[in-house]
Amino acid sequence: MTTPATTHFDTAARDWDQRPTSLQLAAVPERLLAQLPLQTSDHVLDFGAGTGLLSTAIAPQVAQVTALDMSGAMLQVLDEKGFSNITTRQKDIFAGLPEQYHAIVSCMAMHHVADTAALLRAFAAALHSGGRIALVDLYAEDGSFHGDNAAKGVQHFGFAPDSLRALAEQAGFVDIAFSEILRLQHSNGRAYPLFLMTGRKP
């Protein structure tokens, strides 16, 4: 399925890792992993994996990473990085997933999904009992972060923690916690804080 968003990401894929925002986001994986207990036998899902910011950091620590994204061009860039235990999958999460995972991670992908409640339910369904989420996205903002929101497939101008916590609880998650993980410096002169939301499936 081609949408304005997938077209945007397909077009941008080759230069994605060199964007100023991507260079700042490079600080996220280490900070996220400090909050996410992983075992060497784990299978982790990276939702909205893109070119592999999180996948490539997690892969050396676990048995398998499945990198899920709607953009084939972004996943091709990730494939070319040559990690033997990262499997890329171009698929819509709502079409169902063939496996279950010990953890689901995501960075700056949730705001591209219209139905956040359904997304969190899909995460819960895809996790083993005791599985964890570690999700990074924007705190609620005024729509100025992306600029051309429609062309970039933006569905939410960030998230309010209380609202997101309620949706995660409704999806069945417990031990939900929020922390600021990074402040992105934008070319418009503003700084946009990102949160890390963690939680566990009982």
C-alpha atoms as a PDB file:
ATOM      1  CA  MET A   1       0.000   0.000   0.000  1.00  0.00           C
ATOM      2  CA  THR A   2       1.454   3.344  -1.073  1.00  0.00           C
ATOM      3  CA  THR A   3       0.491   6.397   0.946  1.00  0.00           C
ATOM      4  CA  PRO A   4       1.918   9.939   1.017  1.00  0.00           C
ATOM      5  CA  ALA A   5       3.865   8.872   4.113  1.00  0.00           C
ATOM      6  CA  THR A   6       5.443   5.786   2.540  1.00  0.00           C
ATOM      7  CA  THR A   7       6.340   7.850  -0.518  1.00  0.00           C
ATOM      8  CA  HIS A   8       8.015  10.412   1.751  1.00  0.00           C
ATOM      9  CA  PHE A   9       9.990   7.755   3.620  1.00  0.00           C
ATOM     10  CA  ASP A  10      10.910   5.827   0.466  1.00  0.00           C
ATOM     11  CA  THR A  11      12.248   9.015  -1.120  1.00  0.00           C
ATOM     12  CA  ALA A  12      14.172  10.046   2.003  1.00  0.00           C
ATOM     13  CA  ALA A  13      15.580   6.606   2.859  1.00  0.00           C
ATOM     14  CA  ARG A  14      19.063   6.897   1.326  1.00  0.00           C
ATOM     15  CA  ASP A  15      19.928  10.064   3.238  1.00  0.00           C
ATOM     16  CA  TRP A  16      17.860   9.308   6.346  1.00  0.00           C
ATOM     17  CA  ASP A  17      20.722   8.517   8.709  1.00  0.00           C
ATOM     18  CA  GLN A  18      22.491  11.798   7.864  1.00  0.00           C
ATOM     19  CA  ARG A  19      19.547  14.085   8.650  1.00  0.00           C
ATOM     20  CA  PRO A  20      20.142  16.448  11.598  1.00  0.00           C
ATOM     21  CA  THR A  21      17.212  14.850  13.468  1.00  0.00           C
ATOM     22  CA  SER A  22      18.565  11.337  12.894  1.00  0.00           C
ATOM     23  CA  LEU A  23      21.995  12.367  14.166  1.00  0.00           C
ATOM     24  CA  GLN A  24      20.391  13.626  17.385  1.00  0.00           C
ATOM     25  CA  LEU A  25      18.251  10.485  17.717  1.00  0.00           C
ATOM     26  CA  ALA A  26      21.430   8.408  17.736  1.00  0.00           C
ATOM     27  CA  ALA A  27      21.542   9.105  21.499  1.00  0.00           C
ATOM     28  CA  VAL A  28      18.243   7.253  22.036  1.00  0.00           C
ATOM     29  CA  PRO A  29      19.215   3.552  21.765  1.00  0.00           C
ATOM     30  CA  GLU A  30      21.679   3.550  24.656  1.00  0.00           C
ATOM     31  CA  ARG A  31      19.230   5.430  26.903  1.00  0.00           C
ATOM     32  CA  LEU A  32      16.351   3.155  25.921  1.00  0.00           C
ATOM     33  CA  LEU A  33      18.359  -0.002  26.497  1.00  0.00           C
ATOM     34  CA  ALA A  34      19.268   1.212  29.978  1.00  0.00           C
ATOM     35  CA  GLN A  35      15.532   0.982  30.794  1.00  0.00           C
ATOM     36  CA  LEU A  36      14.772  -2.293  28.975  1.00  0.00           C
ATOM     37  CA  PRO A  37      15.975  -5.578  30.490  1.00  0.00           C
ATOM     38  CA  LEU A  38      16.841  -7.999  27.683  1.00  0.00           C
ATOM     39  CA  GLN A  39      18.081 -11.595  27.575  1.00  0.00           C
ATOM     40  CA  THR A  40      20.431 -13.033  24.959  1.00  0.00           C
ATOM     41  CA  SER A  41      17.659 -15.471  23.956  1.00  0.00           C
ATOM     42  CA  ASP A  42      15.051 -12.728  23.330  1.00  0.00           C
ATOM     43  CA  HIS A  43      13.236 -11.968  20.085  1.00  0.00           C
ATOM     44  CA  VAL A  44      12.503  -8.230  19.824  1.00  0.00           C
ATOM     45  CA  LEU A  45      10.114  -6.400  17.476  1.00  0.00           C
ATOM     46  CA  ASP A  46      11.169  -2.936  16.312  1.00  0.00           C
ATOM     47  CA  PHE A  47       7.967  -1.191  15.189  1.00  0.00           C
ATOM     48  CA  GLY A  48       8.491   1.464  12.520  1.00  0.00           C
ATOM     49  CA  ALA A  49      12.111   0.386  12.356  1.00  0.00           C
ATOM     50  CA  GLY A  50      13.112   2.603   9.456  1.00  0.00           C
ATOM     51  CA  THR A  51      16.816   2.280   8.703  1.00  0.00           C
ATOM     52  CA  GLY A  52      17.457   0.519  12.004  1.00  0.00           C
ATOM     53  CA  LEU A  53      18.293   3.114  14.668  1.00  0.00           C
ATOM     54  CA  LEU A  54      17.065   0.761  17.396  1.00  0.00           C
ATOM     55  CA  SER A  55      17.382  -2.590  15.602  1.00  0.00           C
ATOM     56  CA  THR A  56      21.109  -2.302  15.019  1.00  0.00           C
ATOM     57  CA  ALA A  57      21.749  -1.331  18.651  1.00  0.00           C
ATOM     58  CA  ILE A  58      19.620  -4.162  20.035  1.00  0.00           C
ATOM     59  CA  ALA A  59      20.720  -6.941  17.666  1.00  0.00           C
ATOM     60  CA  PRO A  60      24.109  -7.620  19.334  1.00  0.00           C
ATOM     61  CA  GLN A  61      22.332  -8.206  22.680  1.00  0.00           C
ATOM     62  CA  VAL A  62      19.542 -10.614  21.638  1.00  0.00           C
ATOM     63  CA  ALA A  63      18.892 -13.692  19.515  1.00  0.00           C
ATOM     64  CA  GLN A  64      16.656 -12.069  16.908  1.00  0.00           C
ATOM     65  CA  VAL A  65      15.221  -8.700  15.904  1.00  0.00           C
ATOM     66  CA  THR A  66      12.260  -8.324  13.564  1.00  0.00           C
ATOM     67  CA  ALA A  67      12.310  -4.873  11.965  1.00  0.00           C
ATOM     68  CA  LEU A  68       8.799  -3.925  10.867  1.00  0.00           C
ATOM     69  CA  ASP A  69       8.130  -0.956   8.600  1.00  0.00           C
ATOM     70  CA  MET A  70       5.808   0.091   5.783  1.00  0.00           C
ATOM     71  CA  SER A  71       8.667   1.564   3.727  1.00  0.00           C
ATOM     72  CA  GLY A  72      10.552  -0.976   1.646  1.00  0.00           C
ATOM     73  CA  ALA A  73      13.255   1.565   0.818  1.00  0.00           C
ATOM     74  CA  MET A  74      13.991   2.222   4.486  1.00  0.00           C
ATOM     75  CA  LEU A  75      14.215  -1.504   5.194  1.00  0.00           C
ATOM     76  CA  GLN A  76      16.538  -1.988   2.225  1.00  0.00           C
ATOM     77  CA  VAL A  77      18.961   0.496   3.795  1.00  0.00           C
ATOM     78  CA  LEU A  78      18.741  -1.513   7.024  1.00  0.00           C
ATOM     79  CA  ASP A  79      19.306  -4.810   5.175  1.00  0.00           C
ATOM     80  CA  GLU A  80      22.473  -3.377   3.647  1.00  0.00           C
ATOM     81  CA  LYS A  81      23.923  -2.879   7.138  1.00  0.00           C
ATOM     82  CA  GLY A  82      24.469  -6.636   7.224  1.00  0.00           C
ATOM     83  CA  PHE A  83      23.128  -7.809  10.588  1.00  0.00           C
ATOM     84  CA  SER A  84      22.533 -11.556  10.345  1.00  0.00           C
ATOM     85  CA  ASN A  85      19.974 -11.619  13.170  1.00  0.00           C
ATOM     86  CA  ILE A  86      17.799  -8.733  11.941  1.00  0.00           C
ATOM     87  CA  THR A  87      14.865  -9.825   9.793  1.00  0.00           C
ATOM     88  CA  THR A  88      13.167  -6.982   7.931  1.00  0.00           C
ATOM     89  CA  ARG A  89       9.449  -7.224   7.277  1.00  0.00           C
ATOM     90  CA  GLN A  90       7.501  -4.727   5.152  1.00  0.00           C
ATOM     91  CA  LYS A  91       4.035  -5.085   6.604  1.00  0.00           C
ATOM     92  CA  ASP A  92       1.158  -3.318   8.321  1.00  0.00           C
ATOM     93  CA  ILE A  93       1.049  -4.445  11.963  1.00  0.00           C
ATOM     94  CA  PHE A  94      -2.752  -4.587  11.781  1.00  0.00           C
ATOM     95  CA  ALA A  95      -2.465  -7.341   9.162  1.00  0.00           C
ATOM     96  CA  GLY A  96      -1.230  -9.629  11.940  1.00  0.00           C
ATOM     97  CA  LEU A  97       2.186 -10.892  12.970  1.00  0.00           C
ATOM     98  CA  PRO A  98       3.386 -14.498  12.687  1.00  0.00           C
ATOM     99  CA  GLU A  99       5.450 -14.544  15.878  1.00  0.00           C
ATOM    100  CA  GLN A 100       5.374 -13.423  19.470  1.00  0.00           C
ATOM    101  CA  TYR A 101       8.079 -11.284  21.010  1.00  0.00           C
ATOM    102  CA  HIS A 102       9.780 -10.727  24.344  1.00  0.00           C
ATOM    103  CA  ALA A 103       9.913  -6.961  23.815  1.00  0.00           C
ATOM    104  CA  ILE A 104       8.584  -4.349  21.413  1.00  0.00           C
ATOM    105  CA  VAL A 105      10.504  -1.133  20.843  1.00  0.00           C
ATOM    106  CA  SER A 106       9.733   1.909  18.721  1.00  0.00           C
ATOM    107  CA  CYS A 107      11.192   5.345  18.090  1.00  0.00           C
ATOM    108  CA  MET A 108       9.157   8.149  16.512  1.00  0.00           C
ATOM    109  CA  ALA A 109       6.677   5.841  14.793  1.00  0.00           C
ATOM    110  CA  MET A 110       3.532   5.900  16.936  1.00  0.00           C
ATOM    111  CA  HIS A 111       2.488   9.376  15.811  1.00  0.00           C
ATOM    112  CA  HIS A 112       2.116   7.990  12.275  1.00  0.00           C
ATOM    113  CA  VAL A 113      -0.620   5.532  13.351  1.00  0.00           C
ATOM    114  CA  ALA A 114      -4.139   6.946  13.532  1.00  0.00           C
ATOM    115  CA  ASP A 115      -5.597   4.484  16.068  1.00  0.00           C
ATOM    116  CA  THR A 116      -3.239   4.487  19.045  1.00  0.00           C
ATOM    117  CA  ALA A 117      -5.529   2.306  21.153  1.00  0.00           C
ATOM    118  CA  ALA A 118      -5.605  -0.379  18.462  1.00  0.00           C
ATOM    119  CA  LEU A 119      -1.822  -0.152  18.070  1.00  0.00           C
ATOM    120  CA  LEU A 120      -1.266  -0.754  21.778  1.00  0.00           C
ATOM    121  CA  ARG A 121      -3.682  -3.679  21.689  1.00  0.00           C
ATOM    122  CA  ALA A 122      -1.711  -5.106  18.747  1.00  0.00           C
ATOM    123  CA  PHE A 123       1.490  -4.734  20.755  1.00  0.00           C
ATOM    124  CA  ALA A 124      -0.053  -6.554  23.712  1.00  0.00           C
ATOM    125  CA  ALA A 125      -1.299  -9.371  21.482  1.00  0.00           C
ATOM    126  CA  ALA A 126       2.157  -9.773  19.932  1.00  0.00           C
ATOM    127  CA  LEU A 127       4.006 -10.078  23.259  1.00  0.00           C
ATOM    128  CA  HIS A 128       4.742 -13.149  25.319  1.00  0.00           C
ATOM    129  CA  SER A 129       3.484 -13.031  28.902  1.00  0.00           C
ATOM    130  CA  GLY A 130       5.936 -10.835  30.807  1.00  0.00           C
ATOM    131  CA  GLY A 131       6.969  -9.058  27.587  1.00  0.00           C
ATOM    132  CA  ARG A 132       7.871  -5.388  27.678  1.00  0.00           C
ATOM    133  CA  ILE A 133       7.341  -2.253  25.622  1.00  0.00           C
ATOM    134  CA  ALA A 134       9.796   0.627  25.289  1.00  0.00           C
ATOM    135  CA  LEU A 135       8.294   3.315  23.071  1.00  0.00           C
ATOM    136  CA  VAL A 136       9.798   6.710  22.211  1.00  0.00           C
ATOM    137  CA  ASP A 137       7.793   9.585  20.756  1.00  0.00           C
ATOM    138  CA  LEU A 138       7.035  13.281  21.058  1.00  0.00           C
ATOM    139  CA  TYR A 139       5.332  14.847  24.004  1.00  0.00           C
ATOM    140  CA  ALA A 140       2.214  16.730  22.822  1.00  0.00           C
ATOM    141  CA  GLU A 141       3.220  19.631  20.552  1.00  0.00           C
ATOM    142  CA  ASP A 142       1.459  22.166  18.323  1.00  0.00           C
ATOM    143  CA  GLY A 143       2.076  20.501  14.966  1.00  0.00           C
ATOM    144  CA  SER A 144       5.167  22.543  14.170  1.00  0.00           C
ATOM    145  CA  PHE A 145       7.670  19.690  14.569  1.00  0.00           C
ATOM    146  CA  HIS A 146       7.106  18.064  11.185  1.00  0.00           C
ATOM    147  CA  GLY A 147       5.867  21.091   9.279  1.00  0.00           C
ATOM    148  CA  ASP A 148       4.148  19.395   6.327  1.00  0.00           C
ATOM    149  CA  ASN A 149       2.194  16.981   8.488  1.00  0.00           C
ATOM    150  CA  ALA A 150      -0.083  15.528   5.810  1.00  0.00           C
ATOM    151  CA  ALA A 151       2.752  14.689   3.397  1.00  0.00           C
ATOM    152  CA  LYS A 152       4.693  13.018   6.210  1.00  0.00           C
ATOM    153  CA  GLY A 153       1.758  10.924   7.384  1.00  0.00           C
ATOM    154  CA  VAL A 154       1.498  12.561  10.795  1.00  0.00           C
ATOM    155  CA  GLN A 155      -1.624  11.431  12.659  1.00  0.00           C
ATOM    156  CA  HIS A 156      -0.884  12.899  16.115  1.00  0.00           C
ATOM    157  CA  PHE A 157       0.975  16.006  17.261  1.00  0.00           C
ATOM    158  CA  GLY A 158       2.737  14.020  19.952  1.00  0.00           C
ATOM    159  CA  PHE A 159       1.059  12.518  23.007  1.00  0.00           C
ATOM    160  CA  ALA A 160      -0.003  13.533  26.512  1.00  0.00           C
ATOM    161  CA  PRO A 161       1.366  10.929  28.964  1.00  0.00           C
ATOM    162  CA  ASP A 162      -1.849  10.644  30.979  1.00  0.00           C
ATOM    163  CA  SER A 163      -3.894   9.864  27.866  1.00  0.00           C
ATOM    164  CA  LEU A 164      -1.337   7.404  26.532  1.00  0.00           C
ATOM    165  CA  ARG A 165      -1.033   5.712  29.929  1.00  0.00           C
ATOM    166  CA  ALA A 166      -4.813   5.192  29.995  1.00  0.00           C
ATOM    167  CA  LEU A 167      -4.759   3.586  26.541  1.00  0.00           C
ATOM    168  CA  ALA A 168      -1.844   1.337  27.530  1.00  0.00           C
ATOM    169  CA  GLU A 169      -3.695   0.249  30.681  1.00  0.00           C
ATOM    170  CA  GLN A 170      -6.802  -0.491  28.618  1.00  0.00           C
ATOM    171  CA  ALA A 171      -4.613  -2.641  26.340  1.00  0.00           C
ATOM    172  CA  GLY A 172      -3.552  -4.636  29.406  1.00  0.00           C
ATOM    173  CA  PHE A 173      -0.136  -3.196  30.222  1.00  0.00           C
ATOM    174  CA  VAL A 174       1.078  -2.683  33.790  1.00  0.00           C
ATOM    175  CA  ASP A 175       4.075  -0.951  35.402  1.00  0.00           C
ATOM    176  CA  ILE A 176       3.750   1.911  32.904  1.00  0.00           C
ATOM    177  CA  ALA A 177       6.318   4.654  33.358  1.00  0.00           C
ATOM    178  CA  PHE A 178       7.302   7.794  31.469  1.00  0.00           C
ATOM    179  CA  SER A 179      10.580   9.683  31.374  1.00  0.00           C
ATOM    180  CA  GLU A 180      12.058  12.340  29.122  1.00  0.00           C
ATOM    181  CA  ILE A 181      14.707  10.636  27.012  1.00  0.00           C
ATOM    182  CA  LEU A 182      15.884  13.445  24.707  1.00  0.00           C
ATOM    183  CA  ARG A 183      15.213  17.014  23.623  1.00  0.00           C
ATOM    184  CA  LEU A 184      15.428  17.423  19.861  1.00  0.00           C
ATOM    185  CA  GLN A 185      16.810  20.742  18.657  1.00  0.00           C
ATOM    186  CA  HIS A 186      14.823  21.775  15.582  1.00  0.00           C
ATOM    187  CA  SER A 187      15.863  24.000  12.685  1.00  0.00           C
ATOM    188  CA  ASN A 188      12.973  26.292  13.694  1.00  0.00           C
ATOM    189  CA  GLY A 189      14.939  27.154  16.839  1.00  0.00           C
ATOM    190  CA  ARG A 190      12.716  25.204  19.218  1.00  0.00           C
ATOM    191  CA  ALA A 191      13.459  22.156  21.347  1.00  0.00           C
ATOM    192  CA  TYR A 192      10.981  19.279  21.344  1.00  0.00           C
ATOM    193  CA  PRO A 193      11.110  16.798  24.252  1.00  0.00           C
ATOM    194  CA  LEU A 194      10.698  13.076  23.600  1.00  0.00           C
ATOM    195  CA  PHE A 195       9.398  10.576  26.131  1.00  0.00           C
ATOM    196  CA  LEU A 196      10.224   6.953  26.746  1.00  0.00           C
ATOM    197  CA  MET A 197       7.176   4.959  27.814  1.00  0.00           C
ATOM    198  CA  THR A 198       7.898   1.555  29.324  1.00  0.00           C
ATOM    199  CA  GLY A 199       5.434  -1.090  30.414  1.00  0.00           C
ATOM    200  CA  ARG A 200       4.929  -4.806  30.838  1.00  0.00           C
ATOM    201  CA  LYS A 201       2.367  -7.388  29.771  1.00  0.00           C
ATOM    202  CA  PRO A 202       1.397  -9.464  32.837  1.00  0.00           C
END
